[in-house]
Amino acid sequence: DLPDCLPPTSLQVSNVLSSSANFSWTASTTDPANGYQWEVRSSGEAGSGSVGLTDSGTVPAGTTTATTAVLDPNSSYILYARSDCGSGFSPWSSTSSVTTLCAPAIAPYIENFDVALATPDCWTNTATGSTLWLFSASGGTGPNYGVANSVDHTSGTGNFAWFDGSYNTSIPTLTTVLIDISPLTQAMVGIWVKSNNTDDAAQNTLKVQAFDGTAWVDLI
């Protein structure tokens, strides 16, 4: 059977934040009398019920935008929309999956890398080449030479992040989740560093930077 009317097309998601997003679509060519229905889902097909349904709503005829503000941080969703023709509905149209931003961490903030031997959730681990920051357990396989069998400073039994700069390689960057420092009277940062430079310490410098909203500023 032919649908009662045609679906909207070109669904787009914009201004994606940690708990909200805007979305829009191109109006159906059949101009649905009752506007559109939409759903935001973390799982399940459109119209399949409450399991996986995060938000839903309707907009009147002539309106091709909507907003949701009940999303979870660092989570993936798909937006669906369909035309309401009055006598029935069109098939659903959908976007590709979109992932919300991570919520800011609230200072004071501590990261000890003990949750997993991997980049912490909501951090980024990038490099100018292919060699990234690595993560090891205390006393396990990891750094070699003068820092073999290293342990973390805090407990002696936890995990730590490290990088081998003993040869010409890429420059790695480990970036934290956004941190809200508004609860602090004065913000500061501290790290524990173990370094083994046998030839030229200038080749293995560690920079600590903070983003001031415009540019990265050297702290250490």
Protein backbone atom coordinates (compact mmCIF):
# COMPACT_ATOMS: atom_id res chain seq x y z
CA ASP A 1 0.00 0.00 0.00
CA LEU A 2 1.08 3.55 -0.65
CA PRO A 3 1.76 5.69 2.44
CA ASP A 4 -0.79 8.35 3.36
CA CYS A 5 1.89 11.00 2.78
CA LEU A 6 5.63 11.29 2.23
CA PRO A 7 8.18 11.54 5.07
CA PRO A 8 10.39 14.53 5.82
CA THR A 9 13.91 14.33 4.42
CA SER A 10 17.47 15.46 5.22
CA LEU A 11 17.23 15.18 9.01
CA GLN A 12 20.07 17.11 10.68
CA VAL A 13 21.32 17.42 14.26
CA SER A 14 23.10 20.57 15.48
CA ASN A 15 24.35 22.28 18.64
CA VAL A 16 24.92 18.94 20.36
CA LEU A 17 25.86 19.45 24.03
CA SER A 18 26.07 17.07 26.98
CA SER A 19 22.31 16.89 27.56
CA SER A 20 20.65 18.68 24.65
CA ALA A 21 20.55 18.94 20.88
CA ASN A 22 18.65 20.76 18.14
CA PHE A 23 17.38 19.00 15.06
CA SER A 24 15.71 19.94 11.80
CA TRP A 25 14.51 18.42 8.57
CA THR A 26 13.30 19.33 5.10
CA ALA A 27 9.52 19.52 4.92
CA SER A 28 7.59 16.71 3.28
CA THR A 29 6.58 17.49 -0.27
CA THR A 30 3.02 16.43 0.61
CA ASP A 31 2.65 19.16 3.29
CA PRO A 32 1.23 17.07 6.17
CA ALA A 33 -1.88 18.64 7.68
CA ASN A 34 -0.99 17.81 11.28
CA GLY A 35 2.74 18.50 11.14
CA TYR A 36 5.31 15.97 12.33
CA GLN A 37 6.04 13.47 15.06
CA TRP A 38 9.62 12.91 16.27
CA GLU A 39 11.47 10.51 18.54
CA VAL A 40 14.97 10.39 20.00
CA ARG A 41 16.08 6.85 20.75
CA SER A 42 19.11 5.15 22.25
CA SER A 43 17.92 1.79 20.88
CA GLY A 44 15.02 0.21 19.08
CA GLU A 45 13.22 1.15 15.90
CA ALA A 46 11.08 4.26 15.67
CA GLY A 47 7.60 3.69 17.05
CA SER A 48 8.65 0.44 18.75
CA GLY A 49 7.65 1.51 22.26
CA SER A 50 9.16 2.81 25.47
CA VAL A 51 12.30 0.65 25.55
CA GLY A 52 15.11 2.83 24.20
CA LEU A 53 12.86 5.87 23.81
CA THR A 54 14.54 8.92 25.35
CA ASP A 55 12.31 11.78 24.14
CA SER A 56 9.46 12.39 21.71
CA GLY A 57 7.09 15.10 20.61
CA THR A 58 5.09 16.74 17.86
CA VAL A 59 5.36 20.02 15.95
CA PRO A 60 2.60 21.72 13.96
CA ALA A 61 2.37 21.98 10.19
CA GLY A 62 5.00 24.31 8.78
CA THR A 63 7.48 23.70 11.63
CA THR A 64 10.58 21.68 10.77
CA THR A 65 12.68 22.06 13.93
CA ALA A 66 12.63 20.62 17.43
CA THR A 67 14.83 20.47 20.54
CA THR A 68 15.51 17.84 23.16
CA ALA A 69 17.09 18.55 26.55
CA VAL A 70 16.90 15.21 28.39
CA LEU A 71 19.89 13.41 26.89
CA ASP A 72 22.64 11.68 28.85
CA PRO A 73 26.26 12.85 28.50
CA ASN A 74 28.61 10.84 26.28
CA SER A 75 25.75 8.77 24.86
CA SER A 76 24.64 7.89 21.34
CA TYR A 77 21.18 8.56 19.91
CA ILE A 78 19.26 8.44 16.64
CA LEU A 79 16.58 10.99 15.71
CA TYR A 80 13.45 9.88 13.85
CA ALA A 81 10.70 12.02 12.33
CA ARG A 82 7.57 11.31 10.28
CA SER A 83 4.70 13.24 8.74
CA ASP A 84 1.25 13.26 10.37
CA CYS A 85 -1.16 13.43 7.44
CA GLY A 86 -4.35 13.49 9.48
CA SER A 87 -5.59 10.28 7.91
CA GLY A 88 -2.39 8.40 8.78
CA PHE A 89 1.38 8.70 8.94
CA SER A 90 4.31 8.54 6.58
CA PRO A 91 7.21 6.13 7.08
CA TRP A 92 9.88 7.30 9.53
CA SER A 93 13.02 9.12 8.42
CA SER A 94 16.15 9.01 10.57
CA THR A 95 19.56 10.54 11.15
CA SER A 96 22.79 8.68 11.60
CA SER A 97 23.89 8.15 15.20
CA VAL A 98 24.95 11.26 17.12
CA THR A 99 26.93 11.26 20.38
CA THR A 100 26.46 13.88 23.08
CA LEU A 101 29.38 15.68 24.68
CA CYS A 102 30.81 14.63 28.01
CA ALA A 103 29.60 16.56 31.02
CA PRO A 104 32.31 18.73 32.62
CA ALA A 105 34.09 17.28 35.63
CA ILE A 106 33.77 19.40 38.76
CA ALA A 107 36.95 20.54 40.51
CA PRO A 108 38.69 19.39 42.60
CA TYR A 109 39.41 16.67 40.05
CA ILE A 110 41.86 13.76 40.37
CA GLU A 111 42.77 11.17 37.74
CA ASN A 112 44.87 8.19 38.86
CA PHE A 113 44.34 6.02 35.73
CA ASP A 114 43.23 3.09 37.88
CA VAL A 115 39.85 2.43 36.23
CA ALA A 116 41.39 0.76 33.19
CA LEU A 117 44.63 0.42 31.23
CA ALA A 118 43.27 2.80 28.61
CA THR A 119 42.64 6.47 27.94
CA PRO A 120 40.24 7.69 30.65
CA ASP A 121 36.63 8.16 29.64
CA CYS A 122 36.06 11.54 27.95
CA TRP A 123 39.79 12.23 27.59
CA THR A 124 41.49 12.33 24.18
CA ASN A 125 44.80 10.69 23.29
CA THR A 126 46.28 12.08 20.07
CA ALA A 127 49.70 12.42 18.46
CA THR A 128 51.49 14.01 15.53
CA GLY A 129 52.35 10.47 14.43
CA SER A 130 51.21 6.98 15.38
CA THR A 131 52.72 6.65 18.88
CA LEU A 132 50.26 7.58 21.64
CA TRP A 133 50.38 7.73 25.42
CA LEU A 134 50.34 4.25 26.94
CA PHE A 135 49.01 2.94 30.26
CA SER A 136 50.56 0.29 32.50
CA ALA A 137 50.08 -1.30 35.88
CA SER A 138 52.69 -0.85 38.58
CA GLY A 139 55.59 -3.27 38.19
CA GLY A 140 54.20 -4.75 35.00
CA THR A 141 55.19 -4.62 31.38
CA GLY A 142 55.71 -1.03 30.34
CA PRO A 143 58.65 1.39 30.35
CA ASN A 144 62.08 -0.14 29.91
CA TYR A 145 65.72 0.71 30.58
CA GLY A 146 66.19 2.98 33.60
CA VAL A 147 62.47 3.10 34.39
CA ALA A 148 61.71 -0.61 34.03
CA ASN A 149 59.31 -2.02 36.65
CA SER A 150 58.05 1.46 37.52
CA VAL A 151 55.15 1.87 39.93
CA ASP A 152 52.68 4.71 40.32
CA HIS A 153 53.61 7.40 42.84
CA THR A 154 50.36 7.55 44.81
CA SER A 155 49.88 3.95 45.95
CA GLY A 156 52.70 1.95 44.42
CA THR A 157 50.16 -0.55 43.15
CA GLY A 158 47.99 1.45 40.70
CA ASN A 159 48.26 2.38 37.06
CA PHE A 160 50.13 5.20 35.33
CA ALA A 161 50.44 6.85 31.91
CA TRP A 162 53.77 6.85 30.10
CA PHE A 163 55.51 7.52 26.81
CA ASP A 164 58.74 6.24 25.28
CA GLY A 165 60.74 9.17 23.92
CA SER A 166 63.98 7.27 23.39
CA TYR A 167 63.83 7.54 19.62
CA ASN A 168 62.63 9.96 16.97
CA THR A 169 58.88 9.57 17.23
CA SER A 170 55.62 11.48 17.28
CA ILE A 171 54.62 14.04 19.90
CA PRO A 172 51.67 12.69 21.93
CA THR A 173 49.02 14.82 23.63
CA LEU A 174 46.76 13.62 26.45
CA THR A 175 43.81 15.98 26.97
CA THR A 176 41.52 15.81 30.00
CA VAL A 177 37.78 16.10 30.07
CA LEU A 178 36.58 19.70 30.45
CA ILE A 179 36.92 20.65 34.13
CA ASP A 180 34.66 23.19 35.83
CA ILE A 181 36.91 25.18 38.19
CA SER A 182 34.21 27.60 39.38
CA PRO A 183 34.00 26.00 42.88
CA LEU A 184 37.67 26.89 43.50
CA THR A 185 39.02 30.12 44.96
CA GLN A 186 42.31 29.53 43.16
CA ALA A 187 42.87 26.87 40.53
CA MET A 188 46.08 24.86 40.39
CA VAL A 189 47.33 21.68 38.77
CA GLY A 190 49.80 19.10 39.98
CA ILE A 191 51.31 15.96 38.45
CA TRP A 192 53.84 13.35 39.50
CA VAL A 193 56.54 12.73 36.88
CA LYS A 194 59.25 10.10 36.64
CA SER A 195 61.70 10.69 33.81
CA ASN A 196 64.82 8.88 32.65
CA ASN A 197 66.85 10.96 30.18
CA THR A 198 70.24 9.41 29.59
CA ASP A 199 71.39 11.47 26.60
CA ASP A 200 69.57 14.76 26.18
CA ALA A 201 66.85 15.92 28.57
CA ALA A 202 65.86 18.66 26.11
CA GLN A 203 64.50 15.96 23.79
CA ASN A 204 62.05 14.68 26.40
CA THR A 205 60.36 17.72 27.86
CA LEU A 206 56.86 17.47 29.30
CA LYS A 207 54.43 20.35 28.84
CA VAL A 208 51.32 20.95 30.91
CA GLN A 209 48.88 23.39 29.35
CA ALA A 210 45.42 24.81 30.07
CA PHE A 211 42.93 26.18 27.56
CA ASP A 212 41.81 29.71 28.50
CA GLY A 213 38.91 29.80 26.05
CA THR A 214 41.03 31.17 23.23
CA ALA A 215 44.41 29.46 23.26
CA TRP A 216 46.48 26.86 25.12
CA VAL A 217 48.62 28.43 27.85
CA ASP A 218 51.77 26.79 29.24
CA LEU A 219 51.55 25.98 32.96
CA ILE A 220 54.66 23.82 33.23
